[in-house]
Every structure is written in C-alpha cells, then in structure tokens.
Amino acid sequence: DHHVNYGSGSGLQDRVAFVQNDPSQYDASIRLADLQVSDTGTYQCRVKKNTVAVHEVIVTVQEKPADPQCWTEGELVEGGSILLRCYSR
C-alpha cells in the first residue's frame, strides 16, 4: 500500500524510509536510521500484489560498548618489552 506502519509510540517516523522511492517496483526494502536499543523487536513486511505475502524479521540492537580504558605495564626502555592492556564493558 506504499506506506510504512510505524506502530504506536515507536519514535520511528523520522528514522524509517523506503530504500527505493517507489516500492511498487518490486523493492519494498526499508532503511532504519540512527538505531537505538529501543528499536529491538519484530518487524513485519507485508507485500500485496494479487495476494498478500508476509515475512517477519527479528532485529536486536545492542548497546555501543563503553570507551576502552588502556594502560601500559612494563618499563619503556628501548629494546625492551611492554604490555598494552585495554578493557571495555
């Protein structure tokens, strides 16, 4: 039907669009911009020409990892060895 049903209170209205301008040309793909953890869920594609075809996709958005904390262990001596350690949640 050439439209996207965003669901109630999803906040997707400004972040979802068809990839092609005219989805009737056999490509009803959509693009989700600026993904958020709250976008996790089941998305359904309903395509109707003569009959209706339905496909569901489960999308899981994970949180961005925290900035790593890095430090060196060992003495900075030419020809010596040091250990670079990094940690992130």
N, C-alpha and C. Protein backbone atom coordinates (compact mmCIF):
# COMPACT_ATOMS: atom_id res chain seq x y z
N ASP A 1 0.81 -1.21 0.00
CA ASP A 1 0.00 0.00 0.00
C ASP A 1 0.85 1.27 0.00
N HIS A 2 2.13 1.14 -0.25
CA HIS A 2 3.05 2.28 -0.37
C HIS A 2 3.18 3.08 0.91
N HIS A 3 3.06 2.45 2.06
CA HIS A 3 3.24 3.19 3.30
C HIS A 3 3.88 2.29 4.36
N VAL A 4 4.44 2.93 5.37
CA VAL A 4 5.06 2.23 6.49
C VAL A 4 4.18 2.46 7.70
N ASN A 5 3.82 1.38 8.39
CA ASN A 5 3.07 1.47 9.64
C ASN A 5 4.09 1.45 10.76
N TYR A 6 4.22 2.54 11.49
CA TYR A 6 5.27 2.68 12.49
C TYR A 6 4.91 2.10 13.84
N GLY A 7 3.69 1.71 14.06
CA GLY A 7 3.27 1.26 15.38
C GLY A 7 3.02 2.47 16.26
N SER A 8 2.50 2.23 17.43
CA SER A 8 2.16 3.35 18.32
C SER A 8 3.33 3.70 19.22
N GLY A 9 3.67 4.97 19.25
CA GLY A 9 4.69 5.47 20.16
C GLY A 9 6.08 4.92 19.92
N SER A 10 6.37 4.48 18.71
CA SER A 10 7.67 3.86 18.45
C SER A 10 8.80 4.86 18.22
N GLY A 11 8.47 6.09 17.84
CA GLY A 11 9.50 7.08 17.55
C GLY A 11 10.24 6.83 16.25
N LEU A 12 9.69 5.99 15.38
CA LEU A 12 10.37 5.64 14.12
C LEU A 12 10.01 6.57 12.96
N GLN A 13 9.03 7.41 13.11
CA GLN A 13 8.51 8.19 11.98
C GLN A 13 9.60 8.93 11.22
N ASP A 14 10.56 9.52 11.90
CA ASP A 14 11.60 10.30 11.23
C ASP A 14 12.82 9.47 10.87
N ARG A 15 12.81 8.17 11.19
CA ARG A 15 14.02 7.36 11.00
C ARG A 15 13.83 6.18 10.07
N VAL A 16 12.64 6.01 9.50
CA VAL A 16 12.36 4.88 8.60
C VAL A 16 11.91 5.42 7.26
N ALA A 17 12.47 4.83 6.20
CA ALA A 17 12.05 5.23 4.84
C ALA A 17 12.28 4.06 3.90
N PHE A 18 11.51 4.04 2.82
CA PHE A 18 11.75 3.04 1.78
C PHE A 18 13.10 3.31 1.13
N VAL A 19 13.81 2.25 0.78
CA VAL A 19 15.11 2.38 0.11
C VAL A 19 14.90 2.95 -1.29
N GLN A 20 13.91 2.44 -1.99
CA GLN A 20 13.56 2.93 -3.33
C GLN A 20 12.37 3.88 -3.19
N ASN A 21 12.31 4.91 -4.02
CA ASN A 21 11.21 5.87 -3.95
C ASN A 21 9.85 5.23 -4.22
N ASP A 22 9.82 4.24 -5.11
CA ASP A 22 8.55 3.61 -5.48
C ASP A 22 8.61 2.12 -5.15
N PRO A 23 8.07 1.72 -4.00
CA PRO A 23 8.14 0.31 -3.60
C PRO A 23 7.35 -0.63 -4.50
N SER A 24 6.50 -0.09 -5.37
CA SER A 24 5.74 -0.96 -6.28
C SER A 24 6.63 -1.53 -7.38
N GLN A 25 7.87 -1.05 -7.46
CA GLN A 25 8.82 -1.55 -8.47
C GLN A 25 9.61 -2.74 -7.94
N TYR A 26 8.96 -3.56 -7.11
CA TYR A 26 9.48 -4.84 -6.63
C TYR A 26 10.56 -4.74 -5.57
N ASP A 27 10.75 -3.59 -4.96
CA ASP A 27 11.69 -3.49 -3.84
C ASP A 27 11.03 -2.65 -2.75
N ALA A 28 10.52 -3.34 -1.74
CA ALA A 28 9.86 -2.65 -0.63
C ALA A 28 10.77 -2.61 0.59
N SER A 29 12.09 -2.65 0.35
CA SER A 29 13.05 -2.60 1.46
C SER A 29 12.94 -1.26 2.18
N ILE A 30 13.19 -1.31 3.50
CA ILE A 30 13.19 -0.07 4.28
C ILE A 30 14.55 0.08 4.95
N ARG A 31 14.87 1.31 5.28
CA ARG A 31 16.11 1.62 5.98
C ARG A 31 15.74 2.21 7.33
N LEU A 32 16.34 1.67 8.41
CA LEU A 32 16.16 2.21 9.75
C LEU A 32 17.41 3.00 10.08
N ALA A 33 17.28 4.31 10.30
CA ALA A 33 18.42 5.17 10.58
C ALA A 33 18.56 5.38 12.09
N ASP A 34 19.76 5.69 12.51
CA ASP A 34 20.03 6.04 13.90
C ASP A 34 19.45 5.00 14.87
N LEU A 35 19.86 3.73 14.68
CA LEU A 35 19.33 2.65 15.50
C LEU A 35 19.52 2.91 16.98
N GLN A 36 18.54 2.50 17.76
CA GLN A 36 18.55 2.65 19.20
C GLN A 36 18.20 1.30 19.82
N VAL A 37 18.63 1.08 21.05
CA VAL A 37 18.33 -0.18 21.73
C VAL A 37 16.83 -0.41 21.76
N SER A 38 16.04 0.65 21.89
CA SER A 38 14.58 0.51 21.93
C SER A 38 13.98 0.06 20.61
N ASP A 39 14.77 0.04 19.52
CA ASP A 39 14.29 -0.43 18.22
C ASP A 39 14.28 -1.96 18.15
N THR A 40 14.83 -2.64 19.14
CA THR A 40 14.81 -4.09 19.18
C THR A 40 13.37 -4.57 19.11
N GLY A 41 13.11 -5.53 18.25
CA GLY A 41 11.75 -6.06 18.15
C GLY A 41 11.55 -6.86 16.88
N THR A 42 10.33 -7.24 16.63
CA THR A 42 9.96 -7.99 15.43
C THR A 42 9.35 -7.02 14.42
N TYR A 43 9.89 -7.02 13.23
CA TYR A 43 9.40 -6.17 12.16
C TYR A 43 8.76 -7.06 11.11
N GLN A 44 7.68 -6.58 10.53
CA GLN A 44 6.92 -7.39 9.58
C GLN A 44 6.82 -6.65 8.25
N CYS A 45 7.08 -7.40 7.18
CA CYS A 45 6.93 -6.87 5.83
C CYS A 45 5.72 -7.54 5.20
N ARG A 46 4.77 -6.72 4.78
CA ARG A 46 3.56 -7.23 4.11
C ARG A 46 3.54 -6.67 2.69
N VAL A 47 3.63 -7.56 1.72
CA VAL A 47 3.62 -7.14 0.33
C VAL A 47 2.34 -7.67 -0.31
N LYS A 48 1.62 -6.77 -0.96
CA LYS A 48 0.34 -7.15 -1.55
C LYS A 48 0.34 -6.77 -3.03
N LYS A 49 0.25 -7.76 -3.87
CA LYS A 49 0.01 -7.53 -5.29
C LYS A 49 -1.35 -8.17 -5.57
N ASN A 50 -1.34 -9.42 -6.03
CA ASN A 50 -2.60 -10.15 -6.19
C ASN A 50 -2.98 -10.86 -4.89
N THR A 51 -1.96 -11.30 -4.17
CA THR A 51 -2.15 -11.93 -2.87
C THR A 51 -1.26 -11.21 -1.86
N VAL A 52 -1.35 -11.59 -0.60
CA VAL A 52 -0.56 -10.96 0.45
C VAL A 52 0.54 -11.92 0.88
N ALA A 53 1.77 -11.44 0.90
CA ALA A 53 2.90 -12.21 1.41
C ALA A 53 3.42 -11.48 2.65
N VAL A 54 3.70 -12.24 3.70
CA VAL A 54 4.15 -11.65 4.96
C VAL A 54 5.44 -12.32 5.38
N HIS A 55 6.40 -11.50 5.82
CA HIS A 55 7.66 -12.03 6.34
C HIS A 55 8.03 -11.22 7.58
N GLU A 56 8.48 -11.91 8.62
CA GLU A 56 8.88 -11.22 9.85
C GLU A 56 10.39 -11.32 10.03
N VAL A 57 10.98 -10.25 10.54
CA VAL A 57 12.41 -10.19 10.82
C VAL A 57 12.57 -9.73 12.26
N ILE A 58 13.40 -10.44 13.01
CA ILE A 58 13.68 -10.03 14.39
C ILE A 58 14.97 -9.22 14.38
N VAL A 59 14.89 -7.99 14.90
CA VAL A 59 16.05 -7.10 14.95
C VAL A 59 16.45 -6.93 16.41
N THR A 60 17.73 -7.17 16.68
CA THR A 60 18.26 -6.97 18.03
C THR A 60 19.34 -5.91 17.97
N VAL A 61 19.13 -4.81 18.66
CA VAL A 61 20.10 -3.71 18.69
C VAL A 61 20.77 -3.75 20.06
N GLN A 62 22.08 -3.89 20.04
CA GLN A 62 22.83 -3.94 21.30
C GLN A 62 23.45 -2.58 21.58
N GLU A 63 23.74 -2.35 22.84
CA GLU A 63 24.34 -1.08 23.23
C GLU A 63 25.76 -0.97 22.71
N LYS A 64 26.14 0.24 22.39
CA LYS A 64 27.51 0.53 21.98
C LYS A 64 28.42 0.28 23.19
N PRO A 65 29.56 -0.37 22.99
CA PRO A 65 30.45 -0.61 24.13
C PRO A 65 30.99 0.69 24.70
N ALA A 66 31.30 0.65 25.96
CA ALA A 66 31.88 1.83 26.62
C ALA A 66 33.27 2.08 26.05
N ASP A 67 33.74 3.31 26.18
CA ASP A 67 35.10 3.64 25.74
C ASP A 67 36.09 2.76 26.50
N PRO A 68 37.08 2.23 25.79
CA PRO A 68 38.05 1.36 26.47
C PRO A 68 38.97 2.16 27.40
N GLN A 69 39.40 1.48 28.44
CA GLN A 69 40.42 2.02 29.33
C GLN A 69 41.70 1.27 29.00
N CYS A 70 42.76 2.00 28.69
CA CYS A 70 44.01 1.36 28.27
C CYS A 70 45.17 1.86 29.14
N TRP A 71 46.15 1.00 29.35
CA TRP A 71 47.33 1.36 30.12
C TRP A 71 48.48 0.43 29.72
N THR A 72 49.67 0.82 30.06
CA THR A 72 50.84 0.00 29.77
C THR A 72 51.39 -0.59 31.06
N GLU A 73 51.99 -1.75 30.90
CA GLU A 73 52.69 -2.39 32.02
C GLU A 73 54.10 -2.70 31.55
N GLY A 74 55.04 -2.34 32.34
CA GLY A 74 56.44 -2.55 31.99
C GLY A 74 57.14 -1.22 31.83
N GLU A 75 58.43 -1.30 31.79
CA GLU A 75 59.25 -0.10 31.69
C GLU A 75 59.50 0.22 30.23
N LEU A 76 59.32 1.51 29.87
CA LEU A 76 59.54 1.95 28.49
C LEU A 76 61.04 2.13 28.27
N VAL A 77 61.66 1.07 27.81
CA VAL A 77 63.10 1.09 27.56
C VAL A 77 63.33 0.59 26.13
N GLU A 78 64.16 1.32 25.38
CA GLU A 78 64.45 0.91 24.01
C GLU A 78 64.97 -0.52 24.00
N GLY A 79 64.34 -1.34 23.13
CA GLY A 79 64.73 -2.75 23.01
C GLY A 79 64.02 -3.64 24.02
N GLY A 80 63.34 -3.05 24.99
CA GLY A 80 62.62 -3.83 25.99
C GLY A 80 61.21 -4.18 25.51
N SER A 81 60.42 -4.74 26.38
CA SER A 81 59.04 -5.11 26.07
C SER A 81 58.10 -4.44 27.05
N ILE A 82 56.94 -4.09 26.54
CA ILE A 82 55.88 -3.60 27.41
C ILE A 82 54.60 -4.34 27.04
N LEU A 83 53.65 -4.26 27.90
CA LEU A 83 52.35 -4.88 27.68
C LEU A 83 51.32 -3.76 27.64
N LEU A 84 50.53 -3.71 26.57
CA LEU A 84 49.46 -2.73 26.45
C LEU A 84 48.16 -3.45 26.80
N ARG A 85 47.48 -3.00 27.83
CA ARG A 85 46.24 -3.62 28.26
C ARG A 85 45.08 -2.68 27.98
N CYS A 86 43.99 -3.24 27.50
CA CYS A 86 42.79 -2.48 27.25
C CYS A 86 41.59 -3.25 27.80
N TYR A 87 40.63 -2.52 28.33
CA TYR A 87 39.45 -3.12 28.93
C TYR A 87 38.24 -2.27 28.56
N SER A 88 37.14 -2.94 28.26
CA SER A 88 35.89 -2.24 27.99
C SER A 88 34.73 -3.12 28.42
N ARG A 89 33.68 -2.50 28.89
CA ARG A 89 32.49 -3.26 29.25
C ARG A 89 31.68 -3.58 28.04
